[in-house]
């Protein structure tokens, strides 16, 4: 299960948390969300979400000393 970010407003859908505002239980994978599910912040549909590759984003962070 991975996280997905809305490309419009930046909301992150985290399957470990679900979406309690819309009755989505924790543990619900993004692919298992109902087709009518919308971003709880900006109301965009699922097509406006992109998968977040956590490993890639961690590896691309700048390290300061």
C-alpha atoms as a PDB file:
ATOM      1  CA  UNK A   1       0.000   0.000   0.000  1.00  0.00           C
ATOM      2  CA  UNK A   2       1.378   3.341  -0.992  1.00  0.00           C
ATOM      3  CA  UNK A   3       0.478   6.968  -0.505  1.00  0.00           C
ATOM      4  CA  UNK A   4      -1.020   9.129  -3.237  1.00  0.00           C
ATOM      5  CA  UNK A   5      -0.862  12.935  -3.546  1.00  0.00           C
ATOM      6  CA  UNK A   6      -3.502  15.170  -5.152  1.00  0.00           C
ATOM      7  CA  UNK A   7      -1.733  17.162  -7.869  1.00  0.00           C
ATOM      8  CA  UNK A   8      -4.190  20.037  -7.412  1.00  0.00           C
ATOM      9  CA  UNK A   9      -4.053  20.762  -3.665  1.00  0.00           C
ATOM     10  CA  UNK A  10      -1.327  18.476  -2.278  1.00  0.00           C
ATOM     11  CA  UNK A  11      -3.589  16.355  -0.041  1.00  0.00           C
ATOM     12  CA  UNK A  12      -1.966  12.977   0.657  1.00  0.00           C
ATOM     13  CA  UNK A  13      -4.131   9.874   0.859  1.00  0.00           C
ATOM     14  CA  UNK A  14      -2.474   7.506   3.323  1.00  0.00           C
ATOM     15  CA  UNK A  15      -4.045   4.029   3.287  1.00  0.00           C
ATOM     16  CA  UNK A  16      -2.841   3.404   6.836  1.00  0.00           C
ATOM     17  CA  UNK A  17      -5.067   6.288   8.001  1.00  0.00           C
ATOM     18  CA  UNK A  18      -7.933   6.038   5.513  1.00  0.00           C
ATOM     19  CA  UNK A  19     -10.324   8.985   5.138  1.00  0.00           C
ATOM     20  CA  UNK A  20     -12.644   9.196   8.133  1.00  0.00           C
ATOM     21  CA  UNK A  21     -14.456  12.259   6.730  1.00  0.00           C
ATOM     22  CA  UNK A  22     -15.703  10.121   3.849  1.00  0.00           C
ATOM     23  CA  UNK A  23     -16.146   6.807   5.678  1.00  0.00           C
ATOM     24  CA  UNK A  24     -12.983   5.169   4.326  1.00  0.00           C
ATOM     25  CA  UNK A  25     -11.520   2.826   6.921  1.00  0.00           C
ATOM     26  CA  UNK A  26      -7.805   2.606   7.738  1.00  0.00           C
ATOM     27  CA  UNK A  27      -6.148  -0.099   5.645  1.00  0.00           C
ATOM     28  CA  UNK A  28      -8.073   0.770   2.460  1.00  0.00           C
ATOM     29  CA  UNK A  29      -5.690   0.800  -0.506  1.00  0.00           C
ATOM     30  CA  UNK A  30      -6.037   3.685  -2.981  1.00  0.00           C
ATOM     31  CA  UNK A  31      -7.025   1.248  -5.747  1.00  0.00           C
ATOM     32  CA  UNK A  32      -9.869  -0.012  -3.544  1.00  0.00           C
ATOM     33  CA  UNK A  33     -11.426   3.427  -2.997  1.00  0.00           C
ATOM     34  CA  UNK A  34     -14.890   3.756  -4.568  1.00  0.00           C
ATOM     35  CA  UNK A  35     -14.914   5.354  -8.030  1.00  0.00           C
ATOM     36  CA  UNK A  36     -17.034   8.210  -6.672  1.00  0.00           C
ATOM     37  CA  UNK A  37     -14.456   9.029  -3.948  1.00  0.00           C
ATOM     38  CA  UNK A  38     -13.153  12.613  -4.119  1.00  0.00           C
ATOM     39  CA  UNK A  39     -10.251  14.480  -2.567  1.00  0.00           C
ATOM     40  CA  UNK A  40     -11.568  15.645   0.813  1.00  0.00           C
ATOM     41  CA  UNK A  41      -9.822  19.006   0.381  1.00  0.00           C
ATOM     42  CA  UNK A  42     -10.505  20.117  -3.205  1.00  0.00           C
ATOM     43  CA  UNK A  43     -13.101  17.542  -4.371  1.00  0.00           C
ATOM     44  CA  UNK A  44     -11.057  16.344  -7.398  1.00  0.00           C
ATOM     45  CA  UNK A  45     -11.544  12.742  -8.521  1.00  0.00           C
ATOM     46  CA  UNK A  46      -9.032   9.901  -8.246  1.00  0.00           C
ATOM     47  CA  UNK A  47      -7.477  10.652 -11.640  1.00  0.00           C
ATOM     48  CA  UNK A  48      -5.859  13.747 -10.126  1.00  0.00           C
ATOM     49  CA  UNK A  49      -3.747  11.682  -7.703  1.00  0.00           C
ATOM     50  CA  UNK A  50      -0.203  10.469  -8.283  1.00  0.00           C
ATOM     51  CA  UNK A  51       1.629   7.725  -6.431  1.00  0.00           C
ATOM     52  CA  UNK A  52       4.294   8.922  -4.004  1.00  0.00           C
ATOM     53  CA  UNK A  53       7.447   6.815  -4.065  1.00  0.00           C
ATOM     54  CA  UNK A  54       8.625   7.204  -0.457  1.00  0.00           C
ATOM     55  CA  UNK A  55      12.048   5.639  -1.136  1.00  0.00           C
ATOM     56  CA  UNK A  56      12.758   8.033  -3.986  1.00  0.00           C
ATOM     57  CA  UNK A  57      11.690  11.113  -2.030  1.00  0.00           C
ATOM     58  CA  UNK A  58      13.845  10.073   0.963  1.00  0.00           C
ATOM     59  CA  UNK A  59      16.869   9.522  -1.267  1.00  0.00           C
ATOM     60  CA  UNK A  60      16.503  12.923  -2.945  1.00  0.00           C
ATOM     61  CA  UNK A  61      16.571  14.975   0.255  1.00  0.00           C
ATOM     62  CA  UNK A  62      19.471  17.329   0.690  1.00  0.00           C
ATOM     63  CA  UNK A  63      21.619  16.586   3.688  1.00  0.00           C
ATOM     64  CA  UNK A  64      22.974  19.498   5.677  1.00  0.00           C
ATOM     65  CA  UNK A  65      25.853  19.293   8.093  1.00  0.00           C
END
